[in-house]
Amino acid sequence: MIGGFIEGVLMYRVIIDSCGELFPEMLEDERFMNVPLTLEVDGEVIIDDESFDQKSFLGKVKASPKGPKSSCPSPGKYLEAISKHIGKFIPGNNNHSDEKEHVYIVTLSAELSGSYNSAVVAKGMYEEAHDDKCIHVFNSRSASIGQTLIGQKAAECEEAGMSFSRVVETVEKYISEQHTFFVLETLETLRKNGRMSAFKEKIANTLHIKPVMASTDEGTITKLAQVRGMNKAISKMADCMIEVTRNCSEKVLAISHCNCLERALKLKEEVEKRAVFKKIHIVDTRGVSTMYANDGGLIMVV
């Protein structure tokens, strides 16, 4: 279980920008925290924290002639999170070679947001003035629950008593093997943001075309396929995932949905037809993921 202080294990903190939805057990563990991004719709600024109202936000986005925007956390916000006291070292048998607190930061793909750069700047600022923490910033090369799984992996490594350098090495390898997939119900936000023409959006909506998208190894986005209808898209997404996933029984898979729990459960059902996983999480999207996925969107990471 992630959480609870174990004798001989150095205290640590996992910081995830708010694009990563924390699982329920993480919300109850003070060693996990989100640093919020900000969203903007027609000049109204919305903080992506526990006050975020998904229903209200989706209504504002739908009514707006312009697309929503997001801003990454400032270095100062990350510095505040890094500086927060974690806990004391508990003596005992352990594999750590120092008594410094360990801080792991997981950000949105550096190819999609400035969040990674802000975190790196904050790390440098802290280390210029202090020498009491080991800090590493992970570029998730993903988003949403991809970030969450990375944070969970770092915590599992810490709980196993790994050294800081070994945790970093293990998690970086995990990131290199991770795969992110998503399907959007509507392409309206892409059109409003100038990333798709109104004509292409109209054709896609008329023909009920649903593109199945995925992250690349570099953290950008690519289209894997396109099908007609959401049910076929869900099935195709499960197929695409199985094609690149090995040793499923040893892996944790996560699904985030934007206001469409039934679709998330349908995707889980499709996944379970194809393989058995160690665990499958389902969560609703927070602010930034809601902005990207839009109403009815699905994200899956393994």
C-alpha atoms as a PDB file:
ATOM      1  CA  MET A   1       0.000   0.000   0.000  1.00  0.00           C
ATOM      2  CA  ILE A   2       1.293   3.449  -0.909  1.00  0.00           C
ATOM      3  CA  GLY A   3       1.097   5.553   2.217  1.00  0.00           C
ATOM      4  CA  GLY A   4       1.983   4.963   5.838  1.00  0.00           C
ATOM      5  CA  PHE A   5       5.487   5.558   7.096  1.00  0.00           C
ATOM      6  CA  ILE A   6       7.642   2.437   7.027  1.00  0.00           C
ATOM      7  CA  GLU A   7      10.620   2.058   9.355  1.00  0.00           C
ATOM      8  CA  GLY A   8      13.888   2.426   7.494  1.00  0.00           C
ATOM      9  CA  VAL A   9      12.326   4.200   4.509  1.00  0.00           C
ATOM     10  CA  LEU A  10      13.288   7.814   3.833  1.00  0.00           C
ATOM     11  CA  MET A  11      10.415  10.241   3.625  1.00  0.00           C
ATOM     12  CA  TYR A  12       9.600  11.367   0.106  1.00  0.00           C
ATOM     13  CA  ARG A  13       7.148  13.510  -1.808  1.00  0.00           C
ATOM     14  CA  VAL A  14       5.652  13.001  -5.263  1.00  0.00           C
ATOM     15  CA  ILE A  15       4.529  16.219  -6.939  1.00  0.00           C
ATOM     16  CA  ILE A  16       2.365  15.952 -10.064  1.00  0.00           C
ATOM     17  CA  ASP A  17       1.060  18.906 -12.029  1.00  0.00           C
ATOM     18  CA  SER A  18      -2.720  19.051 -12.091  1.00  0.00           C
ATOM     19  CA  CYS A  19      -3.060  17.413 -15.486  1.00  0.00           C
ATOM     20  CA  GLY A  20      -2.416  14.177 -13.576  1.00  0.00           C
ATOM     21  CA  GLU A  21      -5.493  12.988 -11.678  1.00  0.00           C
ATOM     22  CA  LEU A  22      -4.594  11.525  -8.284  1.00  0.00           C
ATOM     23  CA  PHE A  23      -6.095   8.130  -7.443  1.00  0.00           C
ATOM     24  CA  PRO A  24      -8.251   8.039  -4.251  1.00  0.00           C
ATOM     25  CA  GLU A  25      -5.478   6.450  -2.155  1.00  0.00           C
ATOM     26  CA  MET A  26      -3.103   9.204  -3.270  1.00  0.00           C
ATOM     27  CA  LEU A  27      -5.537  11.908  -2.188  1.00  0.00           C
ATOM     28  CA  GLU A  28      -5.443  10.433   1.307  1.00  0.00           C
ATOM     29  CA  ASP A  29      -1.618  10.345   1.431  1.00  0.00           C
ATOM     30  CA  GLU A  30       0.079  13.666   2.281  1.00  0.00           C
ATOM     31  CA  ARG A  31       3.171  12.654   0.332  1.00  0.00           C
ATOM     32  CA  PHE A  32       1.280  13.156  -2.955  1.00  0.00           C
ATOM     33  CA  MET A  33       0.241  16.570  -4.161  1.00  0.00           C
ATOM     34  CA  ASN A  34      -0.839  18.431  -7.287  1.00  0.00           C
ATOM     35  CA  VAL A  35       0.560  21.760  -8.426  1.00  0.00           C
ATOM     36  CA  PRO A  36      -2.272  23.465 -10.347  1.00  0.00           C
ATOM     37  CA  LEU A  37      -2.217  24.788 -13.867  1.00  0.00           C
ATOM     38  CA  THR A  38      -4.626  27.583 -14.740  1.00  0.00           C
ATOM     39  CA  LEU A  39      -7.310  27.523 -17.411  1.00  0.00           C
ATOM     40  CA  GLU A  40      -8.871  30.429 -19.249  1.00  0.00           C
ATOM     41  CA  VAL A  41     -12.186  30.704 -21.087  1.00  0.00           C
ATOM     42  CA  ASP A  42     -13.171  34.079 -22.573  1.00  0.00           C
ATOM     43  CA  GLY A  43     -10.914  35.919 -20.166  1.00  0.00           C
ATOM     44  CA  GLU A  44     -12.117  34.061 -17.068  1.00  0.00           C
ATOM     45  CA  VAL A  45      -9.261  32.412 -15.181  1.00  0.00           C
ATOM     46  CA  ILE A  46      -9.997  29.041 -13.545  1.00  0.00           C
ATOM     47  CA  ILE A  47      -7.556  27.371 -11.152  1.00  0.00           C
ATOM     48  CA  ASP A  48      -7.231  23.633 -11.731  1.00  0.00           C
ATOM     49  CA  ASP A  49      -7.377  22.606  -8.075  1.00  0.00           C
ATOM     50  CA  GLU A  50      -9.947  20.956  -5.816  1.00  0.00           C
ATOM     51  CA  SER A  51     -12.372  23.803  -6.596  1.00  0.00           C
ATOM     52  CA  PHE A  52     -12.558  22.838 -10.296  1.00  0.00           C
ATOM     53  CA  ASP A  53     -16.165  22.318 -11.444  1.00  0.00           C
ATOM     54  CA  GLN A  54     -16.138  20.089 -14.538  1.00  0.00           C
ATOM     55  CA  LYS A  55     -19.802  20.613 -15.454  1.00  0.00           C
ATOM     56  CA  SER A  56     -19.506  24.393 -15.239  1.00  0.00           C
ATOM     57  CA  PHE A  57     -16.256  24.400 -17.208  1.00  0.00           C
ATOM     58  CA  LEU A  58     -17.669  22.252 -20.011  1.00  0.00           C
ATOM     59  CA  GLY A  59     -20.650  24.614 -20.252  1.00  0.00           C
ATOM     60  CA  LYS A  60     -18.367  27.638 -20.551  1.00  0.00           C
ATOM     61  CA  VAL A  61     -16.254  25.907 -23.220  1.00  0.00           C
ATOM     62  CA  LYS A  62     -19.305  24.957 -25.269  1.00  0.00           C
ATOM     63  CA  ALA A  63     -20.726  28.475 -25.115  1.00  0.00           C
ATOM     64  CA  SER A  64     -17.431  30.160 -25.990  1.00  0.00           C
ATOM     65  CA  PRO A  65     -16.636  31.072 -29.613  1.00  0.00           C
ATOM     66  CA  LYS A  66     -12.963  30.681 -28.753  1.00  0.00           C
ATOM     67  CA  GLY A  67     -11.080  27.646 -27.499  1.00  0.00           C
ATOM     68  CA  PRO A  68      -9.977  27.371 -23.856  1.00  0.00           C
ATOM     69  CA  LYS A  69      -6.354  27.965 -22.960  1.00  0.00           C
ATOM     70  CA  SER A  70      -4.092  26.668 -20.214  1.00  0.00           C
ATOM     71  CA  SER A  71      -1.049  28.096 -18.440  1.00  0.00           C
ATOM     72  CA  CYS A  72       1.599  26.027 -16.704  1.00  0.00           C
ATOM     73  CA  PRO A  73       2.539  26.522 -13.040  1.00  0.00           C
ATOM     74  CA  SER A  74       5.185  29.151 -12.388  1.00  0.00           C
ATOM     75  CA  PRO A  75       8.590  28.089 -11.021  1.00  0.00           C
ATOM     76  CA  GLY A  76       7.477  29.757  -7.788  1.00  0.00           C
ATOM     77  CA  LYS A  77       4.561  27.347  -7.395  1.00  0.00           C
ATOM     78  CA  TYR A  78       6.869  24.379  -7.855  1.00  0.00           C
ATOM     79  CA  LEU A  79       9.405  25.911  -5.475  1.00  0.00           C
ATOM     80  CA  GLU A  80       6.695  26.215  -2.841  1.00  0.00           C
ATOM     81  CA  ALA A  81       5.804  22.535  -3.259  1.00  0.00           C
ATOM     82  CA  ILE A  82       9.461  21.438  -3.145  1.00  0.00           C
ATOM     83  CA  SER A  83      10.094  23.494  -0.007  1.00  0.00           C
ATOM     84  CA  LYS A  84       7.225  21.949   1.913  1.00  0.00           C
ATOM     85  CA  HIS A  85       8.473  19.786   4.790  1.00  0.00           C
ATOM     86  CA  ILE A  86       8.007  16.066   4.190  1.00  0.00           C
ATOM     87  CA  GLY A  87       9.075  14.249   7.320  1.00  0.00           C
ATOM     88  CA  LYS A  88      12.003  12.863   9.224  1.00  0.00           C
ATOM     89  CA  PHE A  89      14.301  10.013   8.356  1.00  0.00           C
ATOM     90  CA  ILE A  90      13.381   6.918  10.354  1.00  0.00           C
ATOM     91  CA  PRO A  91      16.470   4.900  11.308  1.00  0.00           C
ATOM     92  CA  GLY A  92      16.559   1.230  10.428  1.00  0.00           C
ATOM     93  CA  ASN A  93      17.807  -1.148   7.765  1.00  0.00           C
ATOM     94  CA  ASN A  94      17.564   0.576   4.404  1.00  0.00           C
ATOM     95  CA  ASN A  95      19.283   0.963   1.077  1.00  0.00           C
ATOM     96  CA  HIS A  96      19.654   4.728   1.184  1.00  0.00           C
ATOM     97  CA  SER A  97      23.142   6.213   1.228  1.00  0.00           C
ATOM     98  CA  ASP A  98      22.015   9.609   2.547  1.00  0.00           C
ATOM     99  CA  GLU A  99      19.462  11.131   4.864  1.00  0.00           C
ATOM    100  CA  LYS A 100      18.108  13.711   2.443  1.00  0.00           C
ATOM    101  CA  GLU A 101      14.440  13.994   1.627  1.00  0.00           C
ATOM    102  CA  HIS A 102      13.561  12.709  -1.827  1.00  0.00           C
ATOM    103  CA  VAL A 103      11.320  14.783  -4.097  1.00  0.00           C
ATOM    104  CA  TYR A 104       9.987  13.513  -7.424  1.00  0.00           C
ATOM    105  CA  ILE A 105       8.145  15.842  -9.800  1.00  0.00           C
ATOM    106  CA  VAL A 106       6.062  14.486 -12.695  1.00  0.00           C
ATOM    107  CA  THR A 107       4.974  16.942 -15.363  1.00  0.00           C
ATOM    108  CA  LEU A 108       2.970  17.028 -18.546  1.00  0.00           C
ATOM    109  CA  SER A 109       4.948  16.140 -21.651  1.00  0.00           C
ATOM    110  CA  ALA A 110       7.552  18.829 -22.288  1.00  0.00           C
ATOM    111  CA  GLU A 111       6.388  18.787 -25.915  1.00  0.00           C
ATOM    112  CA  LEU A 112       2.888  19.901 -24.884  1.00  0.00           C
ATOM    113  CA  SER A 113       3.432  22.290 -21.979  1.00  0.00           C
ATOM    114  CA  GLY A 114       5.965  24.516 -20.244  1.00  0.00           C
ATOM    115  CA  SER A 115       5.268  22.720 -16.954  1.00  0.00           C
ATOM    116  CA  TYR A 116       8.451  20.639 -17.224  1.00  0.00           C
ATOM    117  CA  ASN A 117      10.655  23.684 -17.776  1.00  0.00           C
ATOM    118  CA  SER A 118       9.059  25.488 -14.812  1.00  0.00           C
ATOM    119  CA  ALA A 119       9.758  22.512 -12.564  1.00  0.00           C
ATOM    120  CA  VAL A 120      13.382  22.294 -13.727  1.00  0.00           C
ATOM    121  CA  VAL A 121      13.875  26.010 -12.982  1.00  0.00           C
ATOM    122  CA  ALA A 122      12.351  25.556  -9.511  1.00  0.00           C
ATOM    123  CA  LYS A 123      14.670  22.611  -8.836  1.00  0.00           C
ATOM    124  CA  GLY A 124      17.683  24.756  -9.692  1.00  0.00           C
ATOM    125  CA  MET A 125      16.438  27.621  -7.532  1.00  0.00           C
ATOM    126  CA  TYR A 126      16.010  25.339  -4.528  1.00  0.00           C
ATOM    127  CA  GLU A 127      19.369  23.622  -4.948  1.00  0.00           C
ATOM    128  CA  GLU A 128      21.186  26.970  -5.130  1.00  0.00           C
ATOM    129  CA  ALA A 129      20.082  27.742  -1.576  1.00  0.00           C
ATOM    130  CA  HIS A 130      19.657  24.319   0.044  1.00  0.00           C
ATOM    131  CA  ASP A 131      21.347  20.940   0.209  1.00  0.00           C
ATOM    132  CA  ASP A 132      18.791  18.913   2.157  1.00  0.00           C
ATOM    133  CA  LYS A 133      16.819  17.246  -0.673  1.00  0.00           C
ATOM    134  CA  CYS A 134      17.410  15.037  -3.678  1.00  0.00           C
ATOM    135  CA  ILE A 135      15.123  16.300  -6.453  1.00  0.00           C
ATOM    136  CA  HIS A 136      14.342  14.853  -9.869  1.00  0.00           C
ATOM    137  CA  VAL A 137      11.931  16.148 -12.507  1.00  0.00           C
ATOM    138  CA  PHE A 138      10.355  13.525 -14.760  1.00  0.00           C
ATOM    139  CA  ASN A 139       9.166  14.538 -18.221  1.00  0.00           C
ATOM    140  CA  SER A 140       6.210  12.157 -18.422  1.00  0.00           C
ATOM    141  CA  ARG A 141       6.049  12.351 -22.227  1.00  0.00           C
ATOM    142  CA  SER A 142       2.385  11.724 -21.469  1.00  0.00           C
ATOM    143  CA  ALA A 143      -0.505  13.454 -19.687  1.00  0.00           C
ATOM    144  CA  SER A 144      -3.420  12.774 -17.338  1.00  0.00           C
ATOM    145  CA  ILE A 145      -3.326   9.330 -15.730  1.00  0.00           C
ATOM    146  CA  GLY A 146      -0.033   8.619 -17.500  1.00  0.00           C
ATOM    147  CA  GLN A 147       1.519  11.080 -15.070  1.00  0.00           C
ATOM    148  CA  THR A 148      -0.372   9.478 -12.195  1.00  0.00           C
ATOM    149  CA  LEU A 149       0.988   6.017 -12.965  1.00  0.00           C
ATOM    150  CA  ILE A 150       4.505   7.451 -13.123  1.00  0.00           C
ATOM    151  CA  GLY A 151       4.077   9.046  -9.699  1.00  0.00           C
ATOM    152  CA  GLN A 152       2.711   5.784  -8.347  1.00  0.00           C
ATOM    153  CA  LYS A 153       5.718   3.921  -9.748  1.00  0.00           C
ATOM    154  CA  ALA A 154       8.144   6.306  -8.004  1.00  0.00           C
ATOM    155  CA  ALA A 155       6.346   5.736  -4.698  1.00  0.00           C
ATOM    156  CA  GLU A 156       6.419   1.955  -5.137  1.00  0.00           C
ATOM    157  CA  CYS A 157      10.167   2.108  -5.727  1.00  0.00           C
ATOM    158  CA  GLU A 158      10.628   4.215  -2.594  1.00  0.00           C
ATOM    159  CA  GLU A 159       8.526   1.808  -0.547  1.00  0.00           C
ATOM    160  CA  ALA A 160      10.741  -1.008  -1.815  1.00  0.00           C
ATOM    161  CA  GLY A 161      13.743   0.767  -0.284  1.00  0.00           C
ATOM    162  CA  MET A 162      15.501   1.736  -3.509  1.00  0.00           C
ATOM    163  CA  SER A 163      18.154   4.444  -3.483  1.00  0.00           C
ATOM    164  CA  PHE A 164      17.264   7.792  -5.041  1.00  0.00           C
ATOM    165  CA  SER A 165      19.366   7.124  -8.140  1.00  0.00           C
ATOM    166  CA  ARG A 166      17.843   3.671  -8.523  1.00  0.00           C
ATOM    167  CA  VAL A 167      14.313   5.093  -8.279  1.00  0.00           C
ATOM    168  CA  VAL A 168      15.112   7.630 -10.987  1.00  0.00           C
ATOM    169  CA  GLU A 169      16.628   4.964 -13.255  1.00  0.00           C
ATOM    170  CA  THR A 170      13.683   2.585 -12.746  1.00  0.00           C
ATOM    171  CA  VAL A 171      11.029   5.229 -13.322  1.00  0.00           C
ATOM    172  CA  GLU A 172      12.731   6.662 -16.414  1.00  0.00           C
ATOM    173  CA  LYS A 173      12.742   3.152 -17.877  1.00  0.00           C
ATOM    174  CA  TYR A 174       9.047   2.811 -16.975  1.00  0.00           C
ATOM    175  CA  ILE A 175       8.303   6.073 -18.789  1.00  0.00           C
ATOM    176  CA  SER A 176      10.129   4.863 -21.905  1.00  0.00           C
ATOM    177  CA  GLU A 177       7.870   1.788 -22.010  1.00  0.00           C
ATOM    178  CA  GLN A 178       4.587   3.551 -21.228  1.00  0.00           C
ATOM    179  CA  HIS A 179       1.858   4.030 -23.865  1.00  0.00           C
ATOM    180  CA  THR A 180      -0.952   6.602 -23.907  1.00  0.00           C
ATOM    181  CA  PHE A 181      -4.082   6.374 -26.064  1.00  0.00           C
ATOM    182  CA  PHE A 182      -7.155   8.588 -26.389  1.00  0.00           C
ATOM    183  CA  VAL A 183     -10.384   9.061 -28.311  1.00  0.00           C
ATOM    184  CA  LEU A 184     -12.350  12.317 -28.510  1.00  0.00           C
ATOM    185  CA  GLU A 185     -16.123  12.575 -28.800  1.00  0.00           C
ATOM    186  CA  THR A 186     -15.934  16.047 -30.329  1.00  0.00           C
ATOM    187  CA  LEU A 187     -13.281  17.897 -32.318  1.00  0.00           C
ATOM    188  CA  GLU A 188     -14.818  21.286 -31.486  1.00  0.00           C
ATOM    189  CA  THR A 189     -11.995  22.436 -29.217  1.00  0.00           C
ATOM    190  CA  LEU A 190      -9.388  21.581 -31.868  1.00  0.00           C
ATOM    191  CA  ARG A 191     -11.345  23.663 -34.381  1.00  0.00           C
ATOM    192  CA  LYS A 192     -11.709  26.610 -31.977  1.00  0.00           C
ATOM    193  CA  ASN A 193      -7.994  26.526 -31.225  1.00  0.00           C
ATOM    194  CA  GLY A 194      -7.167  26.666 -34.921  1.00  0.00           C
ATOM    195  CA  ARG A 195      -5.820  23.112 -35.093  1.00  0.00           C
ATOM    196  CA  MET A 196      -8.550  21.899 -37.453  1.00  0.00           C
ATOM    197  CA  SER A 197     -10.634  23.647 -40.099  1.00  0.00           C
ATOM    198  CA  ALA A 198     -14.384  24.052 -39.643  1.00  0.00           C
ATOM    199  CA  PHE A 199     -14.878  22.048 -42.858  1.00  0.00           C
ATOM    200  CA  LYS A 200     -12.882  19.061 -41.567  1.00  0.00           C
ATOM    201  CA  GLU A 201     -14.702  19.166 -38.243  1.00  0.00           C
ATOM    202  CA  LYS A 202     -18.076  19.211 -40.012  1.00  0.00           C
ATOM    203  CA  ILE A 203     -17.145  16.239 -42.213  1.00  0.00           C
ATOM    204  CA  ALA A 204     -15.881  14.274 -39.211  1.00  0.00           C
ATOM    205  CA  ASN A 205     -19.038  14.983 -37.216  1.00  0.00           C
ATOM    206  CA  THR A 206     -21.335  14.204 -40.146  1.00  0.00           C
ATOM    207  CA  LEU A 207     -19.648  10.847 -40.774  1.00  0.00           C
ATOM    208  CA  HIS A 208     -19.252  10.135 -37.022  1.00  0.00           C
ATOM    209  CA  ILE A 209     -15.501   9.731 -37.543  1.00  0.00           C
ATOM    210  CA  LYS A 210     -13.553   9.125 -34.347  1.00  0.00           C
ATOM    211  CA  PRO A 211      -9.755   9.276 -34.574  1.00  0.00           C
ATOM    212  CA  VAL A 212      -7.809   6.972 -32.249  1.00  0.00           C
ATOM    213  CA  MET A 213      -4.790   8.922 -31.037  1.00  0.00           C
ATOM    214  CA  ALA A 214      -1.642   8.025 -29.100  1.00  0.00           C
ATOM    215  CA  SER A 215       1.496   9.554 -27.652  1.00  0.00           C
ATOM    216  CA  THR A 216       4.815   9.127 -29.412  1.00  0.00           C
ATOM    217  CA  ASP A 217       8.106   8.169 -27.756  1.00  0.00           C
ATOM    218  CA  GLU A 218       9.017  11.875 -27.810  1.00  0.00           C
ATOM    219  CA  GLY A 219       5.810  12.937 -26.069  1.00  0.00           C
ATOM    220  CA  THR A 220       3.965  14.364 -29.069  1.00  0.00           C
ATOM    221  CA  ILE A 221       0.617  13.127 -30.455  1.00  0.00           C
ATOM    222  CA  THR A 222      -0.025  10.897 -33.459  1.00  0.00           C
ATOM    223  CA  LYS A 223      -3.115   9.396 -35.086  1.00  0.00           C
ATOM    224  CA  LEU A 224      -3.188   5.590 -35.117  1.00  0.00           C
ATOM    225  CA  ALA A 225      -6.499   5.037 -36.877  1.00  0.00           C
ATOM    226  CA  GLN A 226      -9.937   6.448 -37.507  1.00  0.00           C
ATOM    227  CA  VAL A 227     -13.237   4.626 -37.366  1.00  0.00           C
ATOM    228  CA  ARG A 228     -16.932   5.472 -37.534  1.00  0.00           C
ATOM    229  CA  GLY A 229     -18.710   5.546 -34.193  1.00  0.00           C
ATOM    230  CA  MET A 230     -17.558   5.619 -30.580  1.00  0.00           C
ATOM    231  CA  ASN A 231     -18.100   1.900 -29.912  1.00  0.00           C
ATOM    232  CA  LYS A 232     -15.773   0.976 -32.774  1.00  0.00           C
ATOM    233  CA  ALA A 233     -13.290   3.574 -31.552  1.00  0.00           C
ATOM    234  CA  ILE A 234     -13.275   2.058 -28.070  1.00  0.00           C
ATOM    235  CA  SER A 235     -12.696  -1.405 -29.494  1.00  0.00           C
ATOM    236  CA  LYS A 236      -9.939  -0.136 -31.790  1.00  0.00           C
ATOM    237  CA  MET A 237      -8.220   1.655 -28.902  1.00  0.00           C
ATOM    238  CA  ALA A 238      -8.167  -1.600 -26.935  1.00  0.00           C
ATOM    239  CA  ASP A 239      -6.724  -3.394 -29.981  1.00  0.00           C
ATOM    240  CA  CYS A 240      -3.997  -0.774 -30.403  1.00  0.00           C
ATOM    241  CA  MET A 241      -3.064  -1.045 -26.741  1.00  0.00           C
ATOM    242  CA  ILE A 242      -2.769  -4.844 -26.840  1.00  0.00           C
ATOM    243  CA  GLU A 243      -0.526  -4.667 -29.917  1.00  0.00           C
ATOM    244  CA  VAL A 244       2.189  -2.836 -27.968  1.00  0.00           C
ATOM    245  CA  THR A 245       1.727  -4.199 -24.437  1.00  0.00           C
ATOM    246  CA  ARG A 246       3.540  -7.254 -23.089  1.00  0.00           C
ATOM    247  CA  ASN A 247       3.256  -9.056 -19.734  1.00  0.00           C
ATOM    248  CA  CYS A 248      -0.168  -7.526 -19.091  1.00  0.00           C
ATOM    249  CA  SER A 249      -0.693  -9.424 -15.829  1.00  0.00           C
ATOM    250  CA  GLU A 250       2.252  -7.538 -14.321  1.00  0.00           C
ATOM    251  CA  LYS A 251       1.047  -4.090 -15.406  1.00  0.00           C
ATOM    252  CA  VAL A 252      -1.353  -1.472 -14.045  1.00  0.00           C
ATOM    253  CA  LEU A 253      -3.672   0.155 -16.597  1.00  0.00           C
ATOM    254  CA  ALA A 254      -5.557   3.390 -16.017  1.00  0.00           C
ATOM    255  CA  ILE A 255      -8.527   5.000 -17.761  1.00  0.00           C
ATOM    256  CA  SER A 256      -9.643   8.595 -17.328  1.00  0.00           C
ATOM    257  CA  HIS A 257     -12.913   9.828 -18.758  1.00  0.00           C
ATOM    258  CA  CYS A 258     -14.448  13.245 -19.221  1.00  0.00           C
ATOM    259  CA  ASN A 259     -18.025  13.000 -17.962  1.00  0.00           C
ATOM    260  CA  CYS A 260     -18.600   9.556 -19.527  1.00  0.00           C
ATOM    261  CA  LEU A 261     -18.255   6.805 -16.913  1.00  0.00           C
ATOM    262  CA  GLU A 262     -20.299   4.312 -18.963  1.00  0.00           C
ATOM    263  CA  ARG A 263     -17.837   4.618 -21.844  1.00  0.00           C
ATOM    264  CA  ALA A 264     -14.918   4.133 -19.454  1.00  0.00           C
ATOM    265  CA  LEU A 265     -16.542   0.958 -18.136  1.00  0.00           C
ATOM    266  CA  LYS A 266     -17.128  -0.189 -21.725  1.00  0.00           C
ATOM    267  CA  LEU A 267     -13.437   0.370 -22.486  1.00  0.00           C
ATOM    268  CA  LYS A 268     -12.493  -1.579 -19.348  1.00  0.00           C
ATOM    269  CA  GLU A 269     -14.724  -4.413 -20.537  1.00  0.00           C
ATOM    270  CA  GLU A 270     -13.050  -4.409 -23.961  1.00  0.00           C
ATOM    271  CA  VAL A 271      -9.615  -4.453 -22.343  1.00  0.00           C
ATOM    272  CA  GLU A 272     -10.563  -7.389 -20.110  1.00  0.00           C
ATOM    273  CA  LYS A 273     -11.732  -9.362 -23.149  1.00  0.00           C
ATOM    274  CA  ARG A 274      -8.189  -9.171 -24.463  1.00  0.00           C
ATOM    275  CA  ALA A 275      -5.976  -9.531 -21.389  1.00  0.00           C
ATOM    276  CA  VAL A 276      -5.761  -9.687 -17.600  1.00  0.00           C
ATOM    277  CA  PHE A 277      -4.075  -6.748 -15.879  1.00  0.00           C
ATOM    278  CA  LYS A 278      -2.685  -6.464 -12.372  1.00  0.00           C
ATOM    279  CA  LYS A 279      -5.090  -3.598 -11.711  1.00  0.00           C
ATOM    280  CA  ILE A 280      -7.285  -1.197 -13.681  1.00  0.00           C
ATOM    281  CA  HIS A 281      -8.024   2.304 -12.356  1.00  0.00           C
ATOM    282  CA  ILE A 282     -10.879   4.496 -13.599  1.00  0.00           C
ATOM    283  CA  VAL A 283     -10.975   8.208 -12.731  1.00  0.00           C
ATOM    284  CA  ASP A 284     -12.772  11.320 -13.970  1.00  0.00           C
ATOM    285  CA  THR A 285     -10.649  14.019 -15.594  1.00  0.00           C
ATOM    286  CA  ARG A 286      -9.499  17.127 -13.766  1.00  0.00           C
ATOM    287  CA  GLY A 287      -9.335  20.558 -15.373  1.00  0.00           C
ATOM    288  CA  VAL A 288      -6.479  20.325 -17.875  1.00  0.00           C
ATOM    289  CA  SER A 289      -7.415  16.823 -19.012  1.00  0.00           C
ATOM    290  CA  THR A 290     -11.038  17.966 -19.297  1.00  0.00           C
ATOM    291  CA  MET A 291      -9.885  20.804 -21.564  1.00  0.00           C
ATOM    292  CA  TYR A 292      -7.948  18.425 -23.820  1.00  0.00           C
ATOM    293  CA  ALA A 293     -10.394  15.496 -23.828  1.00  0.00           C
ATOM    294  CA  ASN A 294     -13.583  17.587 -23.855  1.00  0.00           C
ATOM    295  CA  ASP A 295     -17.004  16.177 -22.995  1.00  0.00           C
ATOM    296  CA  GLY A 296     -17.110  12.435 -23.742  1.00  0.00           C
ATOM    297  CA  GLY A 297     -13.379  11.920 -24.256  1.00  0.00           C
ATOM    298  CA  LEU A 298     -11.439   8.861 -23.072  1.00  0.00           C
ATOM    299  CA  ILE A 299      -7.775   8.457 -22.142  1.00  0.00           C
ATOM    300  CA  MET A 300      -6.054   5.123 -21.465  1.00  0.00           C
ATOM    301  CA  VAL A 301      -2.494   4.546 -20.283  1.00  0.00           C
ATOM    302  CA  VAL A 302      -0.495   1.407 -19.552  1.00  0.00           C
END
